[in-house]
PDB file of N, CA and C in Angstrom:
ATOM      1  N   MET A   1      20.410  -5.069   3.848  1.00  0.00           N
ATOM      2  CA  MET A   1      18.979  -5.595   3.614  1.00  0.00           C
ATOM      3  C   MET A   1      17.562  -4.784   3.938  1.00  0.00           C
ATOM      4  N   ILE A   2      18.076  -3.556   4.962  1.00  0.00           N
ATOM      5  CA  ILE A   2      17.136  -3.056   5.344  1.00  0.00           C
ATOM      6  C   ILE A   2      16.961  -1.588   4.006  1.00  0.00           C
ATOM      7  N   ILE A   3      18.005  -1.434   3.594  1.00  0.00           N
ATOM      8  CA  ILE A   3      18.171  -0.291   2.541  1.00  0.00           C
ATOM      9  C   ILE A   3      17.392  -0.713   1.049  1.00  0.00           C
ATOM     10  N   ALA A   4      17.750  -1.861   0.805  1.00  0.00           N
ATOM     11  CA  ALA A   4      16.579  -2.799  -0.095  1.00  0.00           C
ATOM     12  C   ALA A   4      15.220  -2.422   0.306  1.00  0.00           C
ATOM     13  N   ASN A   5      14.710  -2.938   1.023  1.00  0.00           N
ATOM     14  CA  ASN A   5      13.101  -2.562   1.691  1.00  0.00           C
ATOM     15  C   ASN A   5      13.027  -0.892   0.937  1.00  0.00           C
ATOM     16  N   TYR A   6      13.684  -0.112   1.873  1.00  0.00           N
ATOM     17  CA  TYR A   6      13.813   1.296   1.414  1.00  0.00           C
ATOM     18  C   TYR A   6      13.302   1.479   0.039  1.00  0.00           C
ATOM     19  N   ILE A   7      14.839   1.218  -1.103  1.00  0.00           N
ATOM     20  CA  ILE A   7      14.658   0.954  -1.749  1.00  0.00           C
ATOM     21  C   ILE A   7      12.914   0.923  -2.710  1.00  0.00           C
ATOM     22  N   GLY A   8      13.156  -0.488  -2.782  1.00  0.00           N
ATOM     23  CA  GLY A   8      11.661  -1.349  -2.983  1.00  0.00           C
ATOM     24  C   GLY A   8      10.396  -0.333  -3.234  1.00  0.00           C
ATOM     25  N   ALA A   9      10.129   0.039  -1.383  1.00  0.00           N
ATOM     26  CA  ALA A   9       9.424   0.881  -1.091  1.00  0.00           C
ATOM     27  C   ALA A   9       9.372   2.254  -2.067  1.00  0.00           C
ATOM     28  N   VAL A  10       9.981   3.001  -2.054  1.00  0.00           N
ATOM     29  CA  VAL A  10      10.011   4.285  -2.948  1.00  0.00           C
ATOM     30  C   VAL A  10       9.843   3.898  -4.453  1.00  0.00           C
ATOM     31  N   LEU A  11      10.476   2.371  -4.544  1.00  0.00           N
ATOM     32  CA  LEU A  11      10.549   2.200  -6.297  1.00  0.00           C
ATOM     33  C   LEU A  11       8.282   2.182  -6.568  1.00  0.00           C
ATOM     34  N   LEU A  12       7.899   1.191  -5.678  1.00  0.00           N
ATOM     35  CA  LEU A  12       6.755   0.979  -5.848  1.00  0.00           C
ATOM     36  C   LEU A  12       5.610   2.266  -5.542  1.00  0.00           C
ATOM     37  N   MET A  13       6.569   3.578  -4.882  1.00  0.00           N
ATOM     38  CA  MET A  13       5.552   4.485  -4.627  1.00  0.00           C
ATOM     39  C   MET A  13       5.650   4.976  -6.231  1.00  0.00           C
ATOM     40  N   PHE A  14       7.009   5.234  -6.512  1.00  0.00           N
ATOM     41  CA  PHE A  14       6.840   6.004  -7.740  1.00  0.00           C
ATOM     42  C   PHE A  14       6.136   5.326  -8.993  1.00  0.00           C
ATOM     43  N   LEU A  15       6.312   4.232  -8.909  1.00  0.00           N
ATOM     44  CA  LEU A  15       5.653   3.705 -10.025  1.00  0.00           C
ATOM     45  C   LEU A  15       3.968   3.622 -10.060  1.00  0.00           C
ATOM     46  N   GLY A  16       3.573   3.519  -9.165  1.00  0.00           N
ATOM     47  CA  GLY A  16       2.165   3.429  -8.572  1.00  0.00           C
ATOM     48  C   GLY A  16       1.718   5.199  -9.013  1.00  0.00           C
ATOM     49  N   LEU A  17       2.383   5.830  -8.641  1.00  0.00           N
ATOM     50  CA  LEU A  17       2.361   7.692  -9.092  1.00  0.00           C
ATOM     51  C   LEU A  17       2.255   7.545 -10.279  1.00  0.00           C
ATOM     52  N   TYR A  18       3.588   6.755 -11.227  1.00  0.00           N
ATOM     53  CA  TYR A  18       3.387   7.141 -12.395  1.00  0.00           C
ATOM     54  C   TYR A  18       2.193   6.627 -13.368  1.00  0.00           C
ATOM     55  N   THR A  19       2.028   5.049 -13.034  1.00  0.00           N
ATOM     56  CA  THR A  19       0.724   4.794 -13.260  1.00  0.00           C
ATOM     57  C   THR A  19      -0.456   5.429 -13.396  1.00  0.00           C
ATOM     58  N   ILE A  20      -1.011   6.164 -12.409  1.00  0.00           N
ATOM     59  CA  ILE A  20      -1.491   7.106 -12.210  1.00  0.00           C
ATOM     60  C   ILE A  20      -2.295   8.044 -12.822  1.00  0.00           C
ATOM     61  N   ILE A  21      -0.933   8.687 -13.026  1.00  0.00           N
ATOM     62  CA  ILE A  21      -0.712  10.130 -14.278  1.00  0.00           C
ATOM     63  C   ILE A  21      -0.615   9.813 -15.347  1.00  0.00           C
ATOM     64  N   MET A  22       0.135   9.136 -15.534  1.00  0.00           N
ATOM     65  CA  MET A  22       0.253   8.890 -16.994  1.00  0.00           C
ATOM     66  C   MET A  22      -0.502   7.909 -18.291  1.00  0.00           C
ATOM     67  N   LYS A  23      -1.485   6.809 -17.201  1.00  0.00           N
ATOM     68  CA  LYS A  23      -2.594   6.544 -18.205  1.00  0.00           C
ATOM     69  C   LYS A  23      -3.915   6.377 -17.791  1.00  0.00           C
ATOM     70  N   LYS A  24      -4.472   5.904 -19.102  1.00  0.00           N
ATOM     71  CA  LYS A  24      -5.416   6.421 -19.292  1.00  0.00           C
ATOM     72  C   LYS A  24      -6.984   5.702 -19.190  1.00  0.00           C
ATOM     73  N   HIS A  25      -6.103   4.072 -18.963  1.00  0.00           N
ATOM     74  CA  HIS A  25      -6.967   2.755 -18.378  1.00  0.00           C
ATOM     75  C   HIS A  25      -7.574   3.219 -17.411  1.00  0.00           C
ATOM     76  N   LEU A  26      -8.896   2.803 -16.792  1.00  0.00           N
ATOM     77  CA  LEU A  26      -9.606   2.699 -15.261  1.00  0.00           C
ATOM     78  C   LEU A  26      -8.843   1.950 -14.750  1.00  0.00           C
ATOM     79  N   ILE A  27      -9.121   0.720 -15.211  1.00  0.00           N
ATOM     80  CA  ILE A  27      -7.898  -0.404 -14.300  1.00  0.00           C
ATOM     81  C   ILE A  27      -6.757  -0.210 -13.778  1.00  0.00           C
ATOM     82  N   LYS A  28      -5.735   0.205 -14.892  1.00  0.00           N
ATOM     83  CA  LYS A  28      -4.995   0.492 -14.792  1.00  0.00           C
ATOM     84  C   LYS A  28      -4.671   1.471 -13.368  1.00  0.00           C
ATOM     85  N   ILE A  29      -5.452   2.622 -13.417  1.00  0.00           N
ATOM     86  CA  ILE A  29      -4.812   3.546 -12.380  1.00  0.00           C
ATOM     87  C   ILE A  29      -5.413   3.295 -11.201  1.00  0.00           C
ATOM     88  N   VAL A  30      -6.789   2.126 -11.112  1.00  0.00           N
ATOM     89  CA  VAL A  30      -6.536   1.488  -9.635  1.00  0.00           C
ATOM     90  C   VAL A  30      -5.570   0.421  -9.244  1.00  0.00           C
ATOM     91  N   MET A  31      -5.107  -0.316 -10.350  1.00  0.00           N
ATOM     92  CA  MET A  31      -3.277  -1.173 -10.344  1.00  0.00           C
ATOM     93  C   MET A  31      -2.569  -0.013  -9.231  1.00  0.00           C
ATOM     94  N   GLY A  32      -2.538   1.460 -10.200  1.00  0.00           N
ATOM     95  CA  GLY A  32      -1.496   1.999  -9.588  1.00  0.00           C
ATOM     96  C   GLY A  32      -1.821   2.666  -8.065  1.00  0.00           C
ATOM     97  N   MET A  33      -2.802   2.906  -7.791  1.00  0.00           N
ATOM     98  CA  MET A  33      -3.532   3.020  -6.733  1.00  0.00           C
ATOM     99  C   MET A  33      -2.956   1.688  -5.535  1.00  0.00           C
ATOM    100  N   CYS A  34      -3.079   0.649  -6.113  1.00  0.00           N
ATOM    101  CA  CYS A  34      -2.921  -0.435  -5.030  1.00  0.00           C
ATOM    102  C   CYS A  34      -1.174  -0.886  -4.905  1.00  0.00           C
ATOM    103  N   LEU A  35      -0.563  -0.241  -5.943  1.00  0.00           N
ATOM    104  CA  LEU A  35       1.283  -0.441  -5.937  1.00  0.00           C
ATOM    105  C   LEU A  35       1.678   0.881  -5.087  1.00  0.00           C
ATOM    106  N   MET A  36       0.687   1.971  -4.954  1.00  0.00           N
ATOM    107  CA  MET A  36       1.204   2.884  -4.469  1.00  0.00           C
ATOM    108  C   MET A  36       0.902   2.568  -2.976  1.00  0.00           C
ATOM    109  N   ASP A  37       0.442   1.476  -2.280  1.00  0.00           N
ATOM    110  CA  ASP A  37      -0.206   1.234  -0.925  1.00  0.00           C
ATOM    111  C   ASP A  37       0.353   0.380  -0.727  1.00  0.00           C
ATOM    112  N   TYR A  38       1.137  -0.431  -1.542  1.00  0.00           N
ATOM    113  CA  TYR A  38       2.047  -1.395  -0.864  1.00  0.00           C
ATOM    114  C   TYR A  38       2.896  -0.971  -0.651  1.00  0.00           C
ATOM    115  N   GLY A  39       3.300  -0.339  -1.625  1.00  0.00           N
ATOM    116  CA  GLY A  39       5.037   0.805  -1.528  1.00  0.00           C
ATOM    117  C   GLY A  39       4.794   1.501  -0.051  1.00  0.00           C
ATOM    118  N   VAL A  40       3.745   2.101   0.331  1.00  0.00           N
ATOM    119  CA  VAL A  40       3.557   2.640   1.731  1.00  0.00           C
ATOM    120  C   VAL A  40       3.613   1.609   2.863  1.00  0.00           C
ATOM    121  N   ASN A  41       2.869   0.324   2.898  1.00  0.00           N
ATOM    122  CA  ASN A  41       3.065  -0.679   3.668  1.00  0.00           C
ATOM    123  C   ASN A  41       4.471  -0.990   4.141  1.00  0.00           C
ATOM    124  N   LEU A  42       4.802  -1.102   3.020  1.00  0.00           N
ATOM    125  CA  LEU A  42       6.274  -1.485   2.809  1.00  0.00           C
ATOM    126  C   LEU A  42       7.305  -0.649   3.686  1.00  0.00           C
ATOM    127  N   LEU A  43       7.237   0.590   3.527  1.00  0.00           N
ATOM    128  CA  LEU A  43       8.082   1.778   4.411  1.00  0.00           C
ATOM    129  C   LEU A  43       7.374   1.690   5.620  1.00  0.00           C
ATOM    130  N   ILE A  44       6.552   1.706   5.660  1.00  0.00           N
ATOM    131  CA  ILE A  44       6.128   1.521   7.403  1.00  0.00           C
ATOM    132  C   ILE A  44       6.804   0.362   7.876  1.00  0.00           C
ATOM    133  N   VAL A  45       6.479  -0.548   7.483  1.00  0.00           N
ATOM    134  CA  VAL A  45       7.192  -1.703   8.182  1.00  0.00           C
ATOM    135  C   VAL A  45       8.379  -2.010   8.178  1.00  0.00           C
ATOM    136  N   SER A  46       9.388  -1.144   7.170  1.00  0.00           N
ATOM    137  CA  SER A  46      10.720  -1.469   7.332  1.00  0.00           C
ATOM    138  C   SER A  46      11.334  -0.545   8.151  1.00  0.00           C
ATOM    139  N   ILE A  47      10.448   0.665   8.391  1.00  0.00           N
ATOM    140  CA  ILE A  47      10.631   1.703   9.294  1.00  0.00           C
ATOM    141  C   ILE A  47      10.670   1.340  11.143  1.00  0.00           C
ATOM    142  N   GLY A  48       9.662   0.676  10.947  1.00  0.00           N
ATOM    143  CA  GLY A  48       9.142  -0.201  12.668  1.00  0.00           C
ATOM    144  C   GLY A  48      10.515  -1.549  12.916  1.00  0.00           C
ATOM    145  N   PHE A  49      10.808  -2.087  11.905  1.00  0.00           N
ATOM    146  CA  PHE A  49      11.976  -2.787  11.893  1.00  0.00           C
ATOM    147  C   PHE A  49      13.468  -2.612  12.550  1.00  0.00           C
ATOM    148  N   ASN A  50      13.657  -3.575  14.088  1.00  0.00           N
ATOM    149  CA  ASN A  50      15.064  -3.551  14.334  1.00  0.00           C
ATOM    150  C   ASN A  50      15.516  -4.931  14.525  1.00  0.00           C
ATOM    151  N   PRO A  51      16.820  -4.646  13.418  1.00  0.00           N
ATOM    152  CA  PRO A  51      18.137  -5.256  13.452  1.00  0.00           C
ATOM    153  C   PRO A  51      18.278  -6.016  14.942  1.00  0.00           C
ATOM    154  N   GLY A  52      17.887  -7.884  14.798  1.00  0.00           N
ATOM    155  CA  GLY A  52      18.065  -8.982  15.995  1.00  0.00           C
ATOM    156  C   GLY A  52      16.893  -8.662  16.717  1.00  0.00           C
ATOM    157  N   GLY A  53      16.345  -7.837  16.979  1.00  0.00           N
ATOM    158  CA  GLY A  53      15.010  -7.409  17.591  1.00  0.00           C
ATOM    159  C   GLY A  53      13.674  -8.383  18.334  1.00  0.00           C
ATOM    160  N   THR A  54      13.598  -8.626  19.110  1.00  0.00           N
ATOM    161  CA  THR A  54      12.125 -10.082  18.939  1.00  0.00           C
ATOM    162  C   THR A  54      11.107  -9.271  19.427  1.00  0.00           C
ATOM    163  N   ALA A  55      10.295 -10.291  18.987  1.00  0.00           N
ATOM    164  CA  ALA A  55       8.883 -10.235  19.345  1.00  0.00           C
ATOM    165  C   ALA A  55       8.303  -9.787  20.433  1.00  0.00           C
ATOM    166  N   PRO A  56       7.383  -8.393  20.929  1.00  0.00           N
ATOM    167  CA  PRO A  56       7.435  -8.016  21.820  1.00  0.00           C
ATOM    168  C   PRO A  56       6.342  -9.127  23.003  1.00  0.00           C
ATOM    169  N   ILE A  57       6.452 -10.124  22.674  1.00  0.00           N
ATOM    170  CA  ILE A  57       5.220 -11.122  23.387  1.00  0.00           C
ATOM    171  C   ILE A  57       6.488 -11.853  24.514  1.00  0.00           C
ATOM    172  N   PHE A  58       6.273 -11.826  25.929  1.00  0.00           N
ATOM    173  CA  PHE A  58       7.031 -11.929  26.719  1.00  0.00           C
ATOM    174  C   PHE A  58       6.377 -11.741  27.967  1.00  0.00           C
ATOM    175  N   THR A  59       6.853 -12.741  29.266  1.00  0.00           N
ATOM    176  CA  THR A  59       6.282 -13.614  30.190  1.00  0.00           C
ATOM    177  C   THR A  59       7.834 -12.388  31.237  1.00  0.00           C
ATOM    178  N   ILE A  60       6.996 -12.099  32.419  1.00  0.00           N
ATOM    179  CA  ILE A  60       7.973 -11.329  33.199  1.00  0.00           C
ATOM    180  C   ILE A  60       9.375 -12.519  33.531  1.00  0.00           C
ATOM    181  N   SER A  61       9.442 -13.277  33.637  1.00  0.00           N
ATOM    182  CA  SER A  61      10.317 -13.995  34.018  1.00  0.00           C
ATOM    183  C   SER A  61      11.571 -13.957  32.607  1.00  0.00           C
ATOM    184  N   GLU A  62      10.767 -13.727  31.175  1.00  0.00           N
ATOM    185  CA  GLU A  62      11.715 -13.625  30.100  1.00  0.00           C
ATOM    186  C   GLU A  62      12.145 -12.542  30.241  1.00  0.00           C
ATOM    187  N   LEU A  63      11.622 -11.466  30.216  1.00  0.00           N
ATOM    188  CA  LEU A  63      11.967 -10.139  30.626  1.00  0.00           C
ATOM    189  C   LEU A  63      13.767  -9.803  30.983  1.00  0.00           C
ATOM    190  N   ASP A  64      14.368  -8.986  29.863  1.00  0.00           N
ATOM    191  CA  ASP A  64      15.686  -9.224  29.927  1.00  0.00           C
ATOM    192  C   ASP A  64      16.487  -7.492  29.997  1.00  0.00           C
ATOM    193  N   PRO A  65      17.003  -6.819  30.812  1.00  0.00           N
ATOM    194  CA  PRO A  65      17.520  -5.501  30.722  1.00  0.00           C
ATOM    195  C   PRO A  65      17.568  -5.068  29.576  1.00  0.00           C
ATOM    196  N   GLY A  66      18.548  -6.151  28.929  1.00  0.00           N
ATOM    197  CA  GLY A  66      19.163  -5.600  27.736  1.00  0.00           C
ATOM    198  C   GLY A  66      18.579  -6.339  26.250  1.00  0.00           C
ATOM    199  N   ALA A  67      17.382  -6.477  26.601  1.00  0.00           N
ATOM    200  CA  ALA A  67      16.330  -7.269  24.983  1.00  0.00           C
ATOM    201  C   ALA A  67      16.410  -5.628  24.500  1.00  0.00           C
ATOM    202  N   PHE A  68      15.753  -5.953  23.586  1.00  0.00           N
ATOM    203  CA  PHE A  68      14.837  -4.681  22.715  1.00  0.00           C
ATOM    204  C   PHE A  68      14.224  -5.550  21.380  1.00  0.00           C
ATOM    205  N   PHE A  69      12.920  -5.142  21.251  1.00  0.00           N
ATOM    206  CA  PHE A  69      12.138  -5.478  20.622  1.00  0.00           C
ATOM    207  C   PHE A  69      11.640  -4.665  19.262  1.00  0.00           C
ATOM    208  N   VAL A  70      11.129  -5.541  18.749  1.00  0.00           N
ATOM    209  CA  VAL A  70      10.305  -4.704  17.672  1.00  0.00           C
ATOM    210  C   VAL A  70       9.088  -3.926  17.608  1.00  0.00           C
ATOM    211  N   ASP A  71       9.194  -3.109  17.407  1.00  0.00           N
ATOM    212  CA  ASP A  71       7.803  -2.005  17.642  1.00  0.00           C
ATOM    213  C   ASP A  71       6.878  -2.722  17.037  1.00  0.00           C
ATOM    214  N   PRO A  72       5.552  -3.071  17.933  1.00  0.00           N
ATOM    215  CA  PRO A  72       4.570  -3.371  17.079  1.00  0.00           C
ATOM    216  C   PRO A  72       3.845  -2.619  16.318  1.00  0.00           C
ATOM    217  N   VAL A  73       3.455  -1.316  16.772  1.00  0.00           N
ATOM    218  CA  VAL A  73       3.007  -0.084  16.262  1.00  0.00           C
ATOM    219  C   VAL A  73       2.960   0.160  14.848  1.00  0.00           C
ATOM    220  N   PRO A  74       3.755  -0.245  13.934  1.00  0.00           N
ATOM    221  CA  PRO A  74       4.019  -0.128  12.287  1.00  0.00           C
ATOM    222  C   PRO A  74       3.449  -1.433  12.321  1.00  0.00           C
ATOM    223  N   GLN A  75       3.624  -2.079  12.790  1.00  0.00           N
ATOM    224  CA  GLN A  75       2.854  -3.984  12.029  1.00  0.00           C
ATOM    225  C   GLN A  75       1.596  -3.686  12.133  1.00  0.00           C
ATOM    226  N   ALA A  76       1.133  -3.222  13.462  1.00  0.00           N
ATOM    227  CA  ALA A  76      -0.687  -2.843  13.572  1.00  0.00           C
ATOM    228  C   ALA A  76      -0.998  -1.931  12.736  1.00  0.00           C
ATOM    229  N   LEU A  77      -0.275  -0.594  12.424  1.00  0.00           N
ATOM    230  CA  LEU A  77      -1.004   0.260  11.232  1.00  0.00           C
ATOM    231  C   LEU A  77      -0.767  -0.384   9.923  1.00  0.00           C
ATOM    232  N   THR A  78       0.284  -0.681   9.932  1.00  0.00           N
ATOM    233  CA  THR A  78       0.174  -1.930   8.097  1.00  0.00           C
ATOM    234  C   THR A  78      -0.772  -2.466   8.313  1.00  0.00           C
ATOM    235  N   LEU A  79      -1.152  -3.525   8.900  1.00  0.00           N
ATOM    236  CA  LEU A  79      -2.498  -4.492   8.859  1.00  0.00           C
ATOM    237  C   LEU A  79      -3.667  -3.733   8.545  1.00  0.00           C
ATOM    238  N   THR A  80      -3.741  -2.680   9.486  1.00  0.00           N
ATOM    239  CA  THR A  80      -5.375  -2.130   9.258  1.00  0.00           C
ATOM    240  C   THR A  80      -4.804  -1.256   7.744  1.00  0.00           C
ATOM    241  N   SER A  81      -3.639  -1.197   7.514  1.00  0.00           N
ATOM    242  CA  SER A  81      -3.437  -0.128   6.184  1.00  0.00           C
ATOM    243  C   SER A  81      -4.061  -1.214   5.099  1.00  0.00           C
ATOM    244  N   ILE A  82      -3.512  -2.299   5.216  1.00  0.00           N
ATOM    245  CA  ILE A  82      -3.942  -3.466   4.164  1.00  0.00           C
ATOM    246  C   ILE A  82      -5.376  -3.661   4.177  1.00  0.00           C
ATOM    247  N   VAL A  83      -6.191  -3.368   5.289  1.00  0.00           N
ATOM    248  CA  VAL A  83      -7.740  -4.345   5.324  1.00  0.00           C
ATOM    249  C   VAL A  83      -8.356  -2.597   4.259  1.00  0.00           C
ATOM    250  N   ILE A  84      -7.850  -1.633   4.824  1.00  0.00           N
ATOM    251  CA  ILE A  84      -8.566  -0.673   4.203  1.00  0.00           C
ATOM    252  C   ILE A  84      -8.154  -0.284   3.230  1.00  0.00           C
ATOM    253  N   GLY A  85      -6.663  -0.704   2.479  1.00  0.00           N
ATOM    254  CA  GLY A  85      -6.261  -0.496   1.097  1.00  0.00           C
ATOM    255  C   GLY A  85      -7.299  -1.776  -0.121  1.00  0.00           C
ATOM    256  N   ALA A  86      -7.913  -3.013   1.026  1.00  0.00           N
ATOM    257  CA  ALA A  86      -8.626  -4.035  -0.102  1.00  0.00           C
ATOM    258  C   ALA A  86      -9.972  -3.392  -0.009  1.00  0.00           C
ATOM    259  N   CYS A  87     -10.734  -2.715   0.875  1.00  0.00           N
ATOM    260  CA  CYS A  87     -11.859  -2.022   0.895  1.00  0.00           C
ATOM    261  C   CYS A  87     -11.977  -0.975  -0.242  1.00  0.00           C
ATOM    262  N   VAL A  88     -10.658  -0.327  -0.246  1.00  0.00           N
ATOM    263  CA  VAL A  88     -10.946   1.105  -1.420  1.00  0.00           C
ATOM    264  C   VAL A  88     -10.344   0.165  -2.668  1.00  0.00           C
ATOM    265  N   MET A  89      -9.960  -0.831  -2.699  1.00  0.00           N
ATOM    266  CA  MET A  89      -9.722  -1.346  -4.339  1.00  0.00           C
ATOM    267  C   MET A  89     -10.983  -2.233  -4.574  1.00  0.00           C
ATOM    268  N   ALA A  90     -11.432  -2.273  -3.245  1.00  0.00           N
ATOM    269  CA  ALA A  90     -12.969  -2.892  -3.997  1.00  0.00           C
ATOM    270  C   ALA A  90     -13.880  -2.332  -4.262  1.00  0.00           C
ATOM    271  N   MET A  91     -13.914  -0.899  -3.708  1.00  0.00           N
ATOM    272  CA  MET A  91     -14.573   0.342  -3.916  1.00  0.00           C
ATOM    273  C   MET A  91     -14.630   0.522  -5.566  1.00  0.00           C
ATOM    274  N   ALA A  92     -13.376   1.119  -5.157  1.00  0.00           N
ATOM    275  CA  ALA A  92     -12.191   1.619  -6.578  1.00  0.00           C
ATOM    276  C   ALA A  92     -12.969   0.722  -8.182  1.00  0.00           C
ATOM    277  N   LEU A  93     -13.327  -0.635  -7.940  1.00  0.00           N
ATOM    278  CA  LEU A  93     -13.378  -1.461  -8.994  1.00  0.00           C
ATOM    279  C   LEU A  93     -14.842  -1.373  -9.227  1.00  0.00           C
ATOM    280  N   SER A  94     -15.831  -1.380  -8.106  1.00  0.00           N
ATOM    281  CA  SER A  94     -16.712  -1.405  -8.308  1.00  0.00           C
ATOM    282  C   SER A  94     -17.926   0.095  -9.555  1.00  0.00           C
ATOM    283  N   ILE A  95     -16.691   0.761  -8.859  1.00  0.00           N
ATOM    284  CA  ILE A  95     -16.708   2.330  -9.663  1.00  0.00           C
ATOM    285  C   ILE A  95     -16.765   1.824 -11.079  1.00  0.00           C
ATOM    286  N   VAL A  96     -15.511   1.409 -11.528  1.00  0.00           N
ATOM    287  CA  VAL A  96     -14.905   1.409 -12.575  1.00  0.00           C
ATOM    288  C   VAL A  96     -15.888   0.123 -13.821  1.00  0.00           C
ATOM    289  N   ILE A  97     -16.566  -0.628 -12.622  1.00  0.00           N
ATOM    290  CA  ILE A  97     -17.558  -1.635 -13.216  1.00  0.00           C
ATOM    291  C   ILE A  97     -18.957  -0.483 -13.599  1.00  0.00           C
ATOM    292  N   LYS A  98     -19.137   0.054 -13.007  1.00  0.00           N
ATOM    293  CA  LYS A  98     -20.418   1.369 -12.779  1.00  0.00           C
ATOM    294  C   LYS A  98     -20.318   1.845 -14.423  1.00  0.00           C
ATOM    295  N   ILE A  99     -19.065   2.836 -14.350  1.00  0.00           N
ATOM    296  CA  ILE A  99     -18.515   3.299 -15.479  1.00  0.00           C
ATOM    297  C   ILE A  99     -18.695   2.733 -16.667  1.00  0.00           C
ATOM    298  N   LYS A 100     -17.977   1.498 -17.128  1.00  0.00           N
ATOM    299  CA  LYS A 100     -18.038   0.977 -17.979  1.00  0.00           C
ATOM    300  C   LYS A 100     -19.351   0.674 -18.477  1.00  0.00           C
ATOM    301  N   GLN A 101     -20.482  -0.351 -17.730  1.00  0.00           N
ATOM    302  CA  GLN A 101     -21.758  -0.285 -18.349  1.00  0.00           C
ATOM    303  C   GLN A 101     -22.265   1.344 -18.129  1.00  0.00           C
ATOM    304  N   LYS A 102     -21.673   2.269 -18.273  1.00  0.00           N
ATOM    305  CA  LYS A 102     -22.700   3.595 -18.422  1.00  0.00           C
ATOM    306  C   LYS A 102     -22.135   3.887 -19.699  1.00  0.00           C
ATOM    307  N   TYR A 103     -21.024   3.680 -19.405  1.00  0.00           N
ATOM    308  CA  TYR A 103     -20.222   4.547 -21.126  1.00  0.00           C
ATOM    309  C   TYR A 103     -19.521   3.822 -21.981  1.00  0.00           C
ATOM    310  N   LYS A 104     -19.999   1.934 -21.635  1.00  0.00           N
ATOM    311  CA  LYS A 104     -19.262   1.268 -22.714  1.00  0.00           C
ATOM    312  C   LYS A 104     -18.045   1.633 -23.055  1.00  0.00           C
ATOM    313  N   THR A 105     -17.426   1.967 -21.809  1.00  0.00           N
ATOM    314  CA  THR A 105     -15.501   2.253 -21.927  1.00  0.00           C
ATOM    315  C   THR A 105     -14.600   2.184 -20.689  1.00  0.00           C
ATOM    316  N   LEU A 106     -13.461   2.195 -20.822  1.00  0.00           N
ATOM    317  CA  LEU A 106     -12.593   1.963 -19.550  1.00  0.00           C
ATOM    318  C   LEU A 106     -11.537   3.062 -19.759  1.00  0.00           C
ATOM    319  N   ASP A 107     -11.527   4.022 -20.759  1.00  0.00           N
ATOM    320  CA  ASP A 107     -10.785   5.193 -21.316  1.00  0.00           C
ATOM    321  C   ASP A 107     -11.019   6.164 -20.647  1.00  0.00           C
ATOM    322  N   ALA A 108     -10.063   6.565 -19.847  1.00  0.00           N
ATOM    323  CA  ALA A 108     -10.579   8.034 -19.169  1.00  0.00           C
ATOM    324  C   ALA A 108     -10.891   8.983 -19.966  1.00  0.00           C
ATOM    325  N   GLY A 109      -9.768   8.820 -20.944  1.00  0.00           N
ATOM    326  CA  GLY A 109      -9.549  10.255 -21.965  1.00  0.00           C
ATOM    327  C   GLY A 109     -11.434  10.143 -22.646  1.00  0.00           C
ATOM    328  N   ARG A 110     -11.666   8.913 -22.675  1.00  0.00           N
ATOM    329  CA  ARG A 110     -12.919   9.136 -23.918  1.00  0.00           C
ATOM    330  C   ARG A 110     -14.352   9.457 -22.668  1.00  0.00           C
ATOM    331  N   ILE A 111     -14.416   9.492 -21.546  1.00  0.00           N
ATOM    332  CA  ILE A 111     -15.359   9.747 -20.714  1.00  0.00           C
ATOM    333  C   ILE A 111     -15.488  10.784 -20.291  1.00  0.00           C
ATOM    334  N   ARG A 112     -16.227  12.039 -21.054  1.00  0.00           N
ATOM    335  CA  ARG A 112     -16.391  13.546 -20.962  1.00  0.00           C
ATOM    336  C   ARG A 112     -16.189  14.130 -19.070  1.00  0.00           C
ATOM    337  N   ARG A 113     -16.757  12.771 -18.563  1.00  0.00           N
ATOM    338  CA  ARG A 113     -16.934  13.695 -16.859  1.00  0.00           C
ATOM    339  C   ARG A 113     -15.375  13.220 -16.468  1.00  0.00           C
ATOM    340  N   LEU A 114     -14.441  12.459 -17.064  1.00  0.00           N
ATOM    341  CA  LEU A 114     -13.350  11.939 -16.386  1.00  0.00           C
ATOM    342  C   LEU A 114     -12.265  12.503 -16.980  1.00  0.00           C
ATOM    343  N   ASN A 115     -12.392  13.867 -18.179  1.00  0.00           N
ATOM    344  CA  ASN A 115     -11.473  14.371 -18.770  1.00  0.00           C
ATOM    345  C   ASN A 115     -11.045  15.279 -18.268  1.00  0.00           C
ATOM    346  N   GLY A 116      -9.961  15.777 -17.574  1.00  0.00           N
ATOM    347  CA  GLY A 116      -9.276  16.970 -16.914  1.00  0.00           C
ATOM    348  C   GLY A 116      -8.191  17.073 -16.953  1.00  0.00           C
TER     349      GLY A 116
END
């Protein structure tokens, strides 16, 4: 099951990278950025997963020397990444709206400053 998470994460990252590189429509480019973000988040959570691990919430009486826990640091990093990704996506979409208002198109190839 964990291998499927790794494969899915790599596929999402490659699909997002392909979309960013090959597409000329600005909305599709922003969607590619989001796909890459989701792939990285899935990879971070998958790396921090321990099969059979429990949540790291316990009291002293519940602490067993043989118990092991799921690492909470990747989950906290992923939560932070989700919030930052949502803000970046909102900012990118607002820039796309301003580009649409100024140039009357969303095709990156037709916009002189974005043609590179």
